[in-house]
C-alpha atoms as a PDB file:
ATOM      1  CA  UNK A   1      89.753 113.567  79.560  1.00  0.00           C
ATOM      2  CA  UNK A   2      88.548 110.710  77.388  1.00  0.00           C
ATOM      3  CA  UNK A   3      90.920 111.530  74.553  1.00  0.00           C
ATOM      4  CA  UNK A   4      93.928 111.033  76.834  1.00  0.00           C
ATOM      5  CA  UNK A   5      92.630 107.621  77.858  1.00  0.00           C
ATOM      6  CA  UNK A   6      92.083 106.621  74.245  1.00  0.00           C
ATOM      7  CA  UNK A   7      95.451 107.838  73.051  1.00  0.00           C
ATOM      8  CA  UNK A   8      97.566 106.665  75.942  1.00  0.00           C
ATOM      9  CA  UNK A   9      96.181 103.726  77.897  1.00  0.00           C
ATOM     10  CA  UNK A  10      94.254 102.058  75.079  1.00  0.00           C
ATOM     11  CA  UNK A  11      96.992 102.617  72.522  1.00  0.00           C
ATOM     12  CA  UNK A  12      99.550 101.093  74.879  1.00  0.00           C
ATOM     13  CA  UNK A  13      97.336  98.045  75.427  1.00  0.00           C
ATOM     14  CA  UNK A  14      96.854  97.555  71.678  1.00  0.00           C
ATOM     15  CA  UNK A  15     100.565  98.022  71.061  1.00  0.00           C
ATOM     16  CA  UNK A  16     101.377  95.411  73.733  1.00  0.00           C
ATOM     17  CA  UNK A  17      98.859  92.983  72.257  1.00  0.00           C
ATOM     18  CA  UNK A  18     100.505  93.412  68.866  1.00  0.00           C
ATOM     19  CA  UNK A  19     103.911  92.606  70.388  1.00  0.00           C
ATOM     20  CA  UNK A  20     102.567  89.508  72.154  1.00  0.00           C
ATOM     21  CA  UNK A  21     100.780  88.225  69.051  1.00  0.00           C
ATOM     22  CA  UNK A  22     103.138  89.227  66.277  1.00  0.00           C
ATOM     23  CA  UNK A  23     102.364  85.995  64.414  1.00  0.00           C
ATOM     24  CA  UNK A  24      98.643  86.672  63.945  1.00  0.00           C
ATOM     25  CA  UNK A  25      99.294  87.219  60.246  1.00  0.00           C
ATOM     26  CA  UNK A  26      96.978  90.211  59.897  1.00  0.00           C
ATOM     27  CA  UNK A  27      98.359  92.622  57.336  1.00  0.00           C
ATOM     28  CA  UNK A  28      97.716  96.348  57.253  1.00  0.00           C
ATOM     29  CA  UNK A  29      95.188  95.691  54.475  1.00  0.00           C
ATOM     30  CA  UNK A  30      93.426  93.123  56.692  1.00  0.00           C
ATOM     31  CA  UNK A  31      93.209  95.674  59.479  1.00  0.00           C
ATOM     32  CA  UNK A  32      91.841  98.408  57.208  1.00  0.00           C
ATOM     33  CA  UNK A  33      89.183  96.028  55.887  1.00  0.00           C
ATOM     34  CA  UNK A  34      88.319  95.081  59.479  1.00  0.00           C
ATOM     35  CA  UNK A  35      87.916  98.781  60.303  1.00  0.00           C
ATOM     36  CA  UNK A  36      85.448  99.151  57.451  1.00  0.00           C
ATOM     37  CA  UNK A  37      83.548  96.100  58.696  1.00  0.00           C
ATOM     38  CA  UNK A  38      83.340  97.539  62.211  1.00  0.00           C
ATOM     39  CA  UNK A  39      82.063 100.872  60.848  1.00  0.00           C
ATOM     40  CA  UNK A  40      79.321  98.938  59.081  1.00  0.00           C
ATOM     41  CA  UNK A  41      78.411  97.321  62.388  1.00  0.00           C
ATOM     42  CA  UNK A  42      77.945 100.779  63.949  1.00  0.00           C
ATOM     43  CA  UNK A  43      75.462 101.554  61.164  1.00  0.00           C
ATOM     44  CA  UNK A  44      73.695  98.233  61.704  1.00  0.00           C
ATOM     45  CA  UNK A  45      73.389  98.877  65.447  1.00  0.00           C
ATOM     46  CA  UNK A  46      71.929 102.308  64.776  1.00  0.00           C
ATOM     47  CA  UNK A  47      69.431 101.034  62.210  1.00  0.00           C
ATOM     48  CA  UNK A  48      68.409  98.177  64.500  1.00  0.00           C
ATOM     49  CA  UNK A  49      67.802 100.637  67.322  1.00  0.00           C
ATOM     50  CA  UNK A  50      65.612 102.738  65.027  1.00  0.00           C
ATOM     51  CA  UNK A  51      63.468  99.710  64.250  1.00  0.00           C
ATOM     52  CA  UNK A  52      63.266  98.559  67.881  1.00  0.00           C
ATOM     53  CA  UNK A  53      62.926 102.051  69.337  1.00  0.00           C
ATOM     54  CA  UNK A  54      64.828 101.130  72.495  1.00  0.00           C
ATOM     55  CA  UNK A  55      66.984 103.934  73.876  1.00  0.00           C
ATOM     56  CA  UNK A  56      68.988 101.740  76.287  1.00  0.00           C
ATOM     57  CA  UNK A  57      69.636  99.080  73.653  1.00  0.00           C
ATOM     58  CA  UNK A  58      70.545 101.826  71.180  1.00  0.00           C
ATOM     59  CA  UNK A  59      73.112 103.349  73.498  1.00  0.00           C
ATOM     60  CA  UNK A  60      74.691 100.060  74.543  1.00  0.00           C
ATOM     61  CA  UNK A  61      74.901  98.508  71.097  1.00  0.00           C
ATOM     62  CA  UNK A  62      76.124 101.623  69.321  1.00  0.00           C
ATOM     63  CA  UNK A  63      78.674 102.291  72.069  1.00  0.00           C
ATOM     64  CA  UNK A  64      79.935  98.713  71.838  1.00  0.00           C
ATOM     65  CA  UNK A  65      80.411  98.942  68.082  1.00  0.00           C
ATOM     66  CA  UNK A  66      82.056 102.373  68.313  1.00  0.00           C
ATOM     67  CA  UNK A  67      84.547 100.931  70.806  1.00  0.00           C
ATOM     68  CA  UNK A  68      85.331  98.167  68.307  1.00  0.00           C
ATOM     69  CA  UNK A  69      85.991 100.851  65.671  1.00  0.00           C
ATOM     70  CA  UNK A  70      88.330 102.690  68.043  1.00  0.00           C
ATOM     71  CA  UNK A  71      90.173  99.486  68.956  1.00  0.00           C
ATOM     72  CA  UNK A  72      90.712  98.515  65.322  1.00  0.00           C
ATOM     73  CA  UNK A  73      91.822 102.070  64.481  1.00  0.00           C
ATOM     74  CA  UNK A  74      94.294 101.953  67.372  1.00  0.00           C
ATOM     75  CA  UNK A  75      95.510  98.597  66.093  1.00  0.00           C
ATOM     76  CA  UNK A  76      96.198 100.190  62.706  1.00  0.00           C
ATOM     77  CA  UNK A  77      97.967 103.121  64.352  1.00  0.00           C
ATOM     78  CA  UNK A  78     100.126 100.682  66.341  1.00  0.00           C
ATOM     79  CA  UNK A  79     100.855  98.631  63.213  1.00  0.00           C
ATOM     80  CA  UNK A  80     102.129 101.817  61.560  1.00  0.00           C
ATOM     81  CA  UNK A  81     104.657 102.082  64.441  1.00  0.00           C
ATOM     82  CA  UNK A  82     103.227 105.456  65.392  1.00  0.00           C
ATOM     83  CA  UNK A  83     104.601 106.945  68.595  1.00  0.00           C
ATOM     84  CA  UNK A  84     102.294 108.185  71.334  1.00  0.00           C
ATOM     85  CA  UNK A  85     103.418 111.738  70.585  1.00  0.00           C
ATOM     86  CA  UNK A  86     102.729 111.408  66.840  1.00  0.00           C
ATOM     87  CA  UNK A  87      99.275 109.999  67.540  1.00  0.00           C
ATOM     88  CA  UNK A  88      98.499 112.714  70.070  1.00  0.00           C
ATOM     89  CA  UNK A  89      99.636 115.489  67.714  1.00  0.00           C
ATOM     90  CA  UNK A  90      97.547 114.108  64.843  1.00  0.00           C
ATOM     91  CA  UNK A  91      94.533 113.593  67.065  1.00  0.00           C
ATOM     92  CA  UNK A  92      94.777 117.173  68.351  1.00  0.00           C
ATOM     93  CA  UNK A  93      95.197 118.499  64.802  1.00  0.00           C
ATOM     94  CA  UNK A  94      92.090 116.617  63.667  1.00  0.00           C
ATOM     95  CA  UNK A  95      90.086 117.747  66.711  1.00  0.00           C
ATOM     96  CA  UNK A  96      91.074 121.343  65.991  1.00  0.00           C
ATOM     97  CA  UNK A  97      89.970 120.934  62.379  1.00  0.00           C
ATOM     98  CA  UNK A  98      86.579 119.549  63.480  1.00  0.00           C
ATOM     99  CA  UNK A  99      86.242 122.366  65.999  1.00  0.00           C
ATOM    100  CA  UNK A 100      87.022 124.944  63.324  1.00  0.00           C
ATOM    101  CA  UNK A 101      84.424 123.455  60.977  1.00  0.00           C
ATOM    102  CA  UNK A 102      81.829 123.411  63.754  1.00  0.00           C
ATOM    103  CA  UNK A 103      82.528 127.078  64.522  1.00  0.00           C
ATOM    104  CA  UNK A 104      82.173 128.002  60.857  1.00  0.00           C
ATOM    105  CA  UNK A 105      78.878 126.154  60.565  1.00  0.00           C
ATOM    106  CA  UNK A 106      77.502 127.869  63.679  1.00  0.00           C
ATOM    107  CA  UNK A 107      78.348 131.280  62.214  1.00  0.00           C
ATOM    108  CA  UNK A 108      76.091 130.621  59.225  1.00  0.00           C
ATOM    109  CA  UNK A 109      73.187 129.098  61.128  1.00  0.00           C
END
């Protein structure tokens, strides 16, 4: 499943990059600001695709920016010294919460 790839392989790569480049000077605050910037770029990619009306460009650009968001989020998680198990448990908890909300919404529609 994709979530296992994101939480295991990608997290390990980000964690290893952090160990190799521990002198990059980026603070937790820097990383959180970068995450916000990347989220803005997802919005920009979406709005640009709406103007251009290109489905293939929309998919590629939005996907690229979403991957940047995930990578920065994983960088923050690694900076917090989160274990794989902690990250997996939190991710599952959040997925379950989203699933529960989706089920509730479907009941009222």
